[in-house]
C-alpha atoms as a PDB file:
ATOM      1  CA  MET A   1      -0.066   0.218  -0.177  1.00  0.00           C
ATOM      2  CA  GLY A   2       1.528   3.329  -1.101  1.00  0.00           C
ATOM      3  CA  THR A   3       2.210   6.296   1.463  1.00  0.00           C
ATOM      4  CA  VAL A   4       0.656   9.051   0.324  1.00  0.00           C
ATOM      5  CA  ILE A   5       2.491  12.531   1.577  1.00  0.00           C
ATOM      6  CA  ALA A   6       1.038  15.883   1.190  1.00  0.00           C
ATOM      7  CA  PHE A   7       2.992  18.983   0.529  1.00  0.00           C
ATOM      8  CA  ALA A   8       1.399  21.616   1.999  1.00  0.00           C
ATOM      9  CA  ASN A   9       1.471  25.412   3.260  1.00  0.00           C
ATOM     10  CA  GLN A  10      -0.867  27.795   2.913  1.00  0.00           C
ATOM     11  CA  LYS A  11       1.569  30.615   1.736  1.00  0.00           C
ATOM     12  CA  GLY A  12       2.797  30.781  -1.727  1.00  0.00           C
ATOM     13  CA  GLY A  13       6.014  31.405  -3.006  1.00  0.00           C
ATOM     14  CA  VAL A  14       7.378  28.864  -0.650  1.00  0.00           C
ATOM     15  CA  ALA A  15       9.084  26.464  -3.354  1.00  0.00           C
ATOM     16  CA  LYS A  16       6.452  23.821  -2.262  1.00  0.00           C
ATOM     17  CA  THR A  17       5.747  22.879  -6.148  1.00  0.00           C
ATOM     18  CA  THR A  18       9.540  22.460  -6.956  1.00  0.00           C
ATOM     19  CA  SER A  19       9.918  20.670  -3.635  1.00  0.00           C
ATOM     20  CA  THR A  20       7.186  17.975  -4.500  1.00  0.00           C
ATOM     21  CA  PHE A  21       8.855  17.683  -8.218  1.00  0.00           C
ATOM     22  CA  ASN A  22      12.520  17.236  -6.787  1.00  0.00           C
ATOM     23  CA  ILE A  23      11.663  14.968  -3.933  1.00  0.00           C
ATOM     24  CA  GLY A  24       9.372  12.410  -6.328  1.00  0.00           C
ATOM     25  CA  VAL A  25      12.552  12.689  -9.002  1.00  0.00           C
ATOM     26  CA  ALA A  26      14.769  11.728  -6.598  1.00  0.00           C
ATOM     27  CA  LEU A  27      12.334   9.017  -4.622  1.00  0.00           C
ATOM     28  CA  ALA A  28      12.098   7.466  -8.421  1.00  0.00           C
ATOM     29  CA  ARG A  29      16.124   7.749  -8.985  1.00  0.00           C
ATOM     30  CA  ALA A  30      16.008   5.264  -5.928  1.00  0.00           C
ATOM     31  CA  GLY A  31      13.689   2.797  -7.224  1.00  0.00           C
ATOM     32  CA  LYS A  32      10.106   3.448  -6.016  1.00  0.00           C
ATOM     33  CA  LYS A  33       7.641   3.481  -7.814  1.00  0.00           C
ATOM     34  CA  THR A  34       6.241   7.573  -7.355  1.00  0.00           C
ATOM     35  CA  LEU A  35       2.866   9.116  -8.326  1.00  0.00           C
ATOM     36  CA  MET A  36       2.793  12.751  -8.148  1.00  0.00           C
ATOM     37  CA  ILE A  37      -0.763  14.546  -8.516  1.00  0.00           C
ATOM     38  CA  ASP A  38      -1.196  18.068  -8.885  1.00  0.00           C
ATOM     39  CA  LEU A  39      -3.727  19.544  -6.849  1.00  0.00           C
ATOM     40  CA  ASP A  40      -3.351  23.295  -7.347  1.00  0.00           C
ATOM     41  CA  SER A  41      -5.525  24.922  -9.923  1.00  0.00           C
ATOM     42  CA  GLN A  42      -2.237  26.666 -11.706  1.00  0.00           C
ATOM     43  CA  ALA A  43      -0.992  23.684 -12.522  1.00  0.00           C
ATOM     44  CA  SER A  44       2.513  24.809 -11.591  1.00  0.00           C
ATOM     45  CA  LEU A  45       3.630  20.908 -11.261  1.00  0.00           C
ATOM     46  CA  THR A  46       2.152  20.051 -14.579  1.00  0.00           C
ATOM     47  CA  ILE A  47       4.155  22.860 -15.812  1.00  0.00           C
ATOM     48  CA  SER A  48       6.983  22.136 -13.725  1.00  0.00           C
ATOM     49  CA  ALA A  49       7.098  18.254 -15.721  1.00  0.00           C
ATOM     50  CA  GLY A  50       7.080  20.159 -18.899  1.00  0.00           C
ATOM     51  CA  LEU A  51       3.443  19.660 -19.671  1.00  0.00           C
ATOM     52  CA  GLU A  52       1.311  21.597 -20.986  1.00  0.00           C
ATOM     53  CA  PRO A  53      -2.181  21.520 -19.085  1.00  0.00           C
ATOM     54  CA  TYR A  54      -4.481  22.430 -22.006  1.00  0.00           C
ATOM     55  CA  GLU A  55      -2.835  19.101 -23.668  1.00  0.00           C
ATOM     56  CA  GLN A  56      -4.192  17.057 -21.261  1.00  0.00           C
ATOM     57  CA  GLU A  57      -7.973  15.587 -21.666  1.00  0.00           C
ATOM     58  CA  ASN A  58      -8.110  13.929 -18.378  1.00  0.00           C
ATOM     59  CA  THR A  59      -6.741  15.154 -15.371  1.00  0.00           C
ATOM     60  CA  ILE A  60      -7.188  15.872 -11.642  1.00  0.00           C
ATOM     61  CA  VAL A  61     -10.336  17.719 -12.681  1.00  0.00           C
ATOM     62  CA  SER A  62     -11.597  14.997 -14.304  1.00  0.00           C
ATOM     63  CA  ALA A  63     -11.033  12.457 -11.624  1.00  0.00           C
ATOM     64  CA  LEU A  64     -12.904  14.389  -8.845  1.00  0.00           C
ATOM     65  CA  ASP A  65     -16.255  15.710 -10.518  1.00  0.00           C
ATOM     66  CA  ARG A  66     -19.243  13.958 -10.575  1.00  0.00           C
ATOM     67  CA  SER A  67     -18.112  12.224 -13.760  1.00  0.00           C
ATOM     68  CA  GLY A  68     -15.626  10.376 -11.495  1.00  0.00           C
ATOM     69  CA  VAL A  69     -13.014   9.179 -14.499  1.00  0.00           C
ATOM     70  CA  PRO A  70     -11.208   6.318 -12.745  1.00  0.00           C
ATOM     71  CA  LEU A  71      -7.333   7.839 -12.042  1.00  0.00           C
ATOM     72  CA  SER A  72      -5.777   5.590 -13.501  1.00  0.00           C
ATOM     73  CA  ARG A  73      -6.933   6.954 -17.042  1.00  0.00           C
ATOM     74  CA  CYS A  74      -5.530  10.401 -15.450  1.00  0.00           C
ATOM     75  CA  THR A  75      -2.037   9.461 -14.682  1.00  0.00           C
ATOM     76  CA  LEU A  76       1.108  10.084 -17.589  1.00  0.00           C
ATOM     77  CA  GLU A  77       4.325   8.354 -17.177  1.00  0.00           C
ATOM     78  CA  LEU A  78       7.375  11.086 -17.038  1.00  0.00           C
ATOM     79  CA  LYS A  79      10.153   8.723 -16.963  1.00  0.00           C
ATOM     80  CA  PRO A  80      10.875   5.240 -15.468  1.00  0.00           C
ATOM     81  CA  GLY A  81       9.338   5.241 -12.115  1.00  0.00           C
ATOM     82  CA  LEU A  82       7.458   8.253 -12.177  1.00  0.00           C
ATOM     83  CA  TRP A  83       4.134   9.032 -13.001  1.00  0.00           C
ATOM     84  CA  LEU A  84       1.733  12.419 -13.013  1.00  0.00           C
ATOM     85  CA  VAL A  85      -1.531  13.134 -13.193  1.00  0.00           C
ATOM     86  CA  PRO A  86      -2.250  16.661 -14.247  1.00  0.00           C
ATOM     87  CA  SER A  87      -4.099  19.521 -13.425  1.00  0.00           C
ATOM     88  CA  ARG A  88      -5.689  22.197 -15.250  1.00  0.00           C
ATOM     89  CA  LEU A  89      -7.244  25.729 -14.429  1.00  0.00           C
ATOM     90  CA  GLU A  90     -10.883  24.488 -14.369  1.00  0.00           C
ATOM     91  CA  LEU A  91     -10.455  23.149 -11.203  1.00  0.00           C
ATOM     92  CA  ALA A  92     -10.551  26.311  -9.520  1.00  0.00           C
ATOM     93  CA  GLN A  93     -14.601  25.998 -10.445  1.00  0.00           C
ATOM     94  CA  LEU A  94     -14.336  22.693  -9.431  1.00  0.00           C
ATOM     95  CA  GLU A  95     -13.032  23.180  -5.922  1.00  0.00           C
ATOM     96  CA  VAL A  96     -16.405  25.618  -5.610  1.00  0.00           C
ATOM     97  CA  LEU A  97     -18.890  23.052  -6.542  1.00  0.00           C
ATOM     98  CA  LEU A  98     -16.766  20.259  -4.004  1.00  0.00           C
ATOM     99  CA  ILE A  99     -18.300  22.440  -0.886  1.00  0.00           C
ATOM    100  CA  GLY A 100     -21.737  21.106  -1.734  1.00  0.00           C
ATOM    101  CA  ARG A 101     -20.782  17.287  -2.018  1.00  0.00           C
ATOM    102  CA  PRO A 102     -21.585  14.729   0.272  1.00  0.00           C
ATOM    103  CA  VAL A 103     -18.695  14.251   2.349  1.00  0.00           C
ATOM    104  CA  ARG A 104     -16.428  16.795   0.297  1.00  0.00           C
ATOM    105  CA  GLU A 105     -13.480  15.866   2.385  1.00  0.00           C
ATOM    106  CA  THR A 106     -12.946  12.467   1.440  1.00  0.00           C
ATOM    107  CA  ILE A 107     -13.191  12.480  -2.209  1.00  0.00           C
ATOM    108  CA  LEU A 108      -9.804  12.552  -2.763  1.00  0.00           C
ATOM    109  CA  ARG A 109      -9.610   9.800  -0.805  1.00  0.00           C
ATOM    110  CA  ARG A 110     -11.856   7.730  -2.700  1.00  0.00           C
ATOM    111  CA  ALA A 111     -10.400   8.952  -5.900  1.00  0.00           C
ATOM    112  CA  ILE A 112      -6.930   7.449  -4.756  1.00  0.00           C
ATOM    113  CA  GLU A 113      -7.377   4.182  -3.148  1.00  0.00           C
ATOM    114  CA  PRO A 114      -7.769   1.894  -5.851  1.00  0.00           C
ATOM    115  CA  VAL A 115      -4.777   2.839  -7.623  1.00  0.00           C
ATOM    116  CA  ARG A 116      -2.948   3.486  -4.019  1.00  0.00           C
ATOM    117  CA  SER A 117      -1.329  -0.248  -3.499  1.00  0.00           C
ATOM    118  CA  ARG A 118       0.324   0.674  -7.812  1.00  0.00           C
ATOM    119  CA  TYR A 119       2.692   2.713  -5.902  1.00  0.00           C
ATOM    120  CA  ASP A 120       5.587   3.125  -3.047  1.00  0.00           C
ATOM    121  CA  TYR A 121       4.916   6.556  -2.897  1.00  0.00           C
ATOM    122  CA  ILE A 122       2.085   9.230  -3.623  1.00  0.00           C
ATOM    123  CA  LEU A 123       2.976  12.953  -3.257  1.00  0.00           C
ATOM    124  CA  ILE A 124       0.073  15.517  -3.008  1.00  0.00           C
ATOM    125  CA  ASP A 125       1.052  19.134  -4.255  1.00  0.00           C
ATOM    126  CA  CYS A 126      -1.667  21.238  -2.602  1.00  0.00           C
ATOM    127  CA  PRO A 127      -2.746  24.745  -3.438  1.00  0.00           C
ATOM    128  CA  PRO A 128      -0.930  27.681  -1.728  1.00  0.00           C
ATOM    129  CA  GLN A 129      -4.024  27.979   0.219  1.00  0.00           C
ATOM    130  CA  LEU A 130      -5.823  26.313   3.289  1.00  0.00           C
ATOM    131  CA  SER A 131      -8.905  25.235   1.118  1.00  0.00           C
ATOM    132  CA  ILE A 132     -11.555  22.448   0.737  1.00  0.00           C
ATOM    133  CA  LEU A 133      -8.415  20.630  -1.636  1.00  0.00           C
ATOM    134  CA  THR A 134      -6.104  21.036   0.854  1.00  0.00           C
ATOM    135  CA  ILE A 135      -8.411  19.198   3.249  1.00  0.00           C
ATOM    136  CA  ASN A 136      -9.093  16.641   0.694  1.00  0.00           C
ATOM    137  CA  ALA A 137      -5.174  16.020   0.323  1.00  0.00           C
ATOM    138  CA  LEU A 138      -4.614  15.835   4.522  1.00  0.00           C
ATOM    139  CA  ALA A 139      -7.392  13.942   4.392  1.00  0.00           C
ATOM    140  CA  CYS A 140      -6.070  10.920   2.328  1.00  0.00           C
ATOM    141  CA  ALA A 141      -2.873  11.634   3.287  1.00  0.00           C
ATOM    142  CA  ASP A 142       0.077   9.620   6.273  1.00  0.00           C
ATOM    143  CA  GLY A 143       2.132  12.274   6.548  1.00  0.00           C
ATOM    144  CA  VAL A 144       2.640  15.649   5.643  1.00  0.00           C
ATOM    145  CA  LEU A 145       5.691  17.726   4.409  1.00  0.00           C
ATOM    146  CA  ILE A 146       6.051  22.132   5.023  1.00  0.00           C
ATOM    147  CA  PRO A 147       7.947  23.581   2.557  1.00  0.00           C
ATOM    148  CA  VAL A 148       8.856  26.580   4.344  1.00  0.00           C
ATOM    149  CA  LYS A 149      10.878  29.814   2.628  1.00  0.00           C
ATOM    150  CA  THR A 150      13.060  31.251   5.767  1.00  0.00           C
ATOM    151  CA  ASP A 151      11.054  34.532   5.548  1.00  0.00           C
ATOM    152  CA  TYR A 152       8.876  36.178   8.696  1.00  0.00           C
ATOM    153  CA  LEU A 153       5.633  35.702   6.942  1.00  0.00           C
ATOM    154  CA  ALA A 154       6.376  32.413   5.957  1.00  0.00           C
ATOM    155  CA  TYR A 155       7.543  31.601   9.399  1.00  0.00           C
ATOM    156  CA  ARG A 156       4.422  32.904  11.057  1.00  0.00           C
ATOM    157  CA  GLY A 157       1.904  31.127   8.811  1.00  0.00           C
ATOM    158  CA  LEU A 158       3.156  27.695   9.738  1.00  0.00           C
ATOM    159  CA  GLU A 159       1.090  27.857  12.900  1.00  0.00           C
ATOM    160  CA  GLN A 160      -2.183  28.025  10.965  1.00  0.00           C
ATOM    161  CA  LEU A 161      -0.795  25.306   8.862  1.00  0.00           C
ATOM    162  CA  LEU A 162      -0.171  23.020  11.846  1.00  0.00           C
ATOM    163  CA  GLU A 163      -3.226  23.726  13.250  1.00  0.00           C
ATOM    164  CA  THR A 164      -5.313  23.045  10.558  1.00  0.00           C
ATOM    165  CA  VAL A 165      -2.920  19.703  10.964  1.00  0.00           C
ATOM    166  CA  GLY A 166      -4.323  18.975  14.264  1.00  0.00           C
ATOM    167  CA  GLU A 167      -8.202  19.282  12.961  1.00  0.00           C
ATOM    168  CA  ILE A 168      -8.044  16.662  10.228  1.00  0.00           C
ATOM    169  CA  ARG A 169      -6.118  14.405  12.603  1.00  0.00           C
ATOM    170  CA  GLU A 170      -8.492  15.061  15.136  1.00  0.00           C
ATOM    171  CA  LEU A 171     -11.905  14.926  13.124  1.00  0.00           C
ATOM    172  CA  VAL A 172     -11.071  13.119   9.745  1.00  0.00           C
ATOM    173  CA  ASN A 173      -8.064  11.400   9.827  1.00  0.00           C
ATOM    174  CA  PRO A 174      -6.228  10.245  12.947  1.00  0.00           C
ATOM    175  CA  GLN A 175      -3.284   8.499  11.299  1.00  0.00           C
ATOM    176  CA  LEU A 176      -2.138  12.151   9.777  1.00  0.00           C
ATOM    177  CA  SER A 177       1.581  12.890  11.227  1.00  0.00           C
ATOM    178  CA  VAL A 178       4.134  16.096  10.586  1.00  0.00           C
ATOM    179  CA  LEU A 179       6.894  14.848   9.019  1.00  0.00           C
ATOM    180  CA  GLY A 180       8.636  17.782   9.025  1.00  0.00           C
ATOM    181  CA  VAL A 181       9.361  21.191   8.007  1.00  0.00           C
ATOM    182  CA  ILE A 182      11.761  21.554   5.041  1.00  0.00           C
ATOM    183  CA  ALA A 183      13.474  25.341   4.582  1.00  0.00           C
ATOM    184  CA  THR A 184      14.085  26.660   1.277  1.00  0.00           C
ATOM    185  CA  MET A 185      15.492  29.795  -0.653  1.00  0.00           C
ATOM    186  CA  TYR A 186      17.946  30.152   1.864  1.00  0.00           C
ATOM    187  CA  GLU A 187      20.187  32.954   1.433  1.00  0.00           C
ATOM    188  CA  THR A 188      22.893  32.454   4.018  1.00  0.00           C
ATOM    189  CA  ARG A 189      24.500  35.909   3.975  1.00  0.00           C
ATOM    190  CA  VAL A 190      21.368  37.273   4.873  1.00  0.00           C
ATOM    191  CA  LYS A 191      20.634  37.996   8.015  1.00  0.00           C
ATOM    192  CA  ASP A 192      17.201  37.707   8.367  1.00  0.00           C
ATOM    193  CA  ASP A 193      16.997  33.987   6.551  1.00  0.00           C
ATOM    194  CA  ARG A 194      19.404  33.275   9.188  1.00  0.00           C
ATOM    195  CA  GLU A 195      17.592  34.388  12.227  1.00  0.00           C
ATOM    196  CA  ILE A 196      14.013  32.500  10.740  1.00  0.00           C
ATOM    197  CA  LEU A 197      16.317  29.518   9.782  1.00  0.00           C
ATOM    198  CA  GLN A 198      17.555  29.341  13.725  1.00  0.00           C
ATOM    199  CA  LEU A 199      14.068  29.894  14.609  1.00  0.00           C
ATOM    200  CA  LEU A 200      12.519  27.023  12.405  1.00  0.00           C
ATOM    201  CA  GLN A 201      15.307  24.837  14.243  1.00  0.00           C
ATOM    202  CA  GLU A 202      14.548  25.886  17.687  1.00  0.00           C
ATOM    203  CA  LYS A 203      10.724  25.011  17.052  1.00  0.00           C
ATOM    204  CA  TYR A 204      10.371  22.351  14.467  1.00  0.00           C
ATOM    205  CA  SER A 205      11.875  19.795  12.918  1.00  0.00           C
ATOM    206  CA  VAL A 206      13.405  21.044   9.986  1.00  0.00           C
ATOM    207  CA  ILE A 207      14.553  17.480   7.971  1.00  0.00           C
ATOM    208  CA  ALA A 208      16.495  19.866   4.728  1.00  0.00           C
ATOM    209  CA  THR A 209      17.821  23.598   3.858  1.00  0.00           C
ATOM    210  CA  VAL A 210      17.644  24.121   0.540  1.00  0.00           C
ATOM    211  CA  LYS A 211      19.692  27.264  -0.686  1.00  0.00           C
ATOM    212  CA  ARG A 212      18.329  29.525  -2.881  1.00  0.00           C
ATOM    213  CA  LEU A 213      19.792  28.315  -6.446  1.00  0.00           C
ATOM    214  CA  ALA A 214      19.285  29.501 -10.301  1.00  0.00           C
ATOM    215  CA  ALA A 215      19.491  25.972 -11.544  1.00  0.00           C
ATOM    216  CA  VAL A 216      16.458  25.121  -9.070  1.00  0.00           C
ATOM    217  CA  LYS A 217      13.713  27.881 -10.751  1.00  0.00           C
ATOM    218  CA  LYS A 218      15.140  27.018 -14.160  1.00  0.00           C
ATOM    219  CA  GLY A 219      14.843  23.264 -13.974  1.00  0.00           C
ATOM    220  CA  VAL A 220      11.091  23.887 -13.871  1.00  0.00           C
ATOM    221  CA  CYS A 221      10.937  25.836 -17.177  1.00  0.00           C
ATOM    222  CA  ASP A 222      13.025  22.605 -18.449  1.00  0.00           C
ATOM    223  CA  GLY A 223      11.412  19.738 -17.045  1.00  0.00           C
ATOM    224  CA  LYS A 224      14.002  18.530 -14.876  1.00  0.00           C
ATOM    225  CA  ALA A 225      15.662  17.975 -11.586  1.00  0.00           C
ATOM    226  CA  VAL A 226      18.300  20.109  -9.537  1.00  0.00           C
ATOM    227  CA  MET A 227      19.971  16.642  -9.451  1.00  0.00           C
ATOM    228  CA  GLU A 228      19.430  16.068 -13.438  1.00  0.00           C
ATOM    229  CA  GLN A 229      21.290  19.369 -13.981  1.00  0.00           C
ATOM    230  CA  LEU A 230      23.529  19.713 -11.152  1.00  0.00           C
ATOM    231  CA  PRO A 231      24.085  16.294  -9.436  1.00  0.00           C
ATOM    232  CA  ALA A 232      26.585  17.626  -7.159  1.00  0.00           C
ATOM    233  CA  SER A 233      24.762  20.629  -5.910  1.00  0.00           C
ATOM    234  CA  ASP A 234      24.029  21.630  -2.357  1.00  0.00           C
ATOM    235  CA  ALA A 235      20.117  21.391  -3.638  1.00  0.00           C
ATOM    236  CA  ALA A 236      19.908  18.472  -4.743  1.00  0.00           C
ATOM    237  CA  ALA A 237      21.866  16.631  -1.779  1.00  0.00           C
ATOM    238  CA  GLN A 238      18.697  18.341   0.141  1.00  0.00           C
ATOM    239  CA  TYR A 239      16.601  16.991  -1.514  1.00  0.00           C
ATOM    240  CA  GLU A 240      17.871  13.376  -2.097  1.00  0.00           C
ATOM    241  CA  GLN A 241      18.455  13.765   2.253  1.00  0.00           C
ATOM    242  CA  VAL A 242      14.361  14.448   2.216  1.00  0.00           C
ATOM    243  CA  ALA A 243      13.760  11.833   0.382  1.00  0.00           C
ATOM    244  CA  ALA A 244      15.742   9.137   1.913  1.00  0.00           C
ATOM    245  CA  TYR A 245      14.173  10.653   5.202  1.00  0.00           C
ATOM    246  CA  VAL A 246      10.872  10.011   3.617  1.00  0.00           C
ATOM    247  CA  MET A 247      11.843   6.112   2.674  1.00  0.00           C
ATOM    248  CA  GLU A 248      13.296   5.554   6.184  1.00  0.00           C
ATOM    249  CA  ARG A 249       9.721   6.609   7.720  1.00  0.00           C
ATOM    250  CA  GLY A 250       8.418   4.164   5.155  1.00  0.00           C
END
């Protein structure tokens, strides 16, 4: 039975999609069958994988709307061991309709269950807000990884997300655990970044610190993970460290 991990943070611009993509590639390179699900209407993960959202016929929208297209028909193979369920802009419209559906918190869980045993890991890239889609991701996840940019606003927003995780654990998904924090876009020469990183390390479980690197951002346009572009870089090592941590946790 595949382990489901949600990448969540209600604040945008924290390298959440970049982290999902790079860790997905790292897990696949380690021999783990990995499925990534783009649960953001901006389709950032789909674009990061080098795909054009509007060219995809079946997407996560098809799986979650009332037509209920099987998730297996919405899945594309990107490279050996790595698959993706793409997204489209219409997901934003669907999100409004989901609120009126019965047992709306578990719609994604029901879509995933038939294919869960086919993968070692299922990574969900959540939208940058605490919406019904994020709640669906947390309701079906075994664990949540939280990318946090090393700035003050991102640090302050972390507490709100953890409160939501606690509520989901209490009301919907008692198995949900916080796997840890990934400090992202870190700049060693900036005093504020150093101070925020120290606060994160004192209060939370920081499992990796990814420095700001042009190649990480460029890879989003090229459909390549940082370990495929710059395998010897610190960013590649940090994302591979997170993948190793995830595999150790089972």
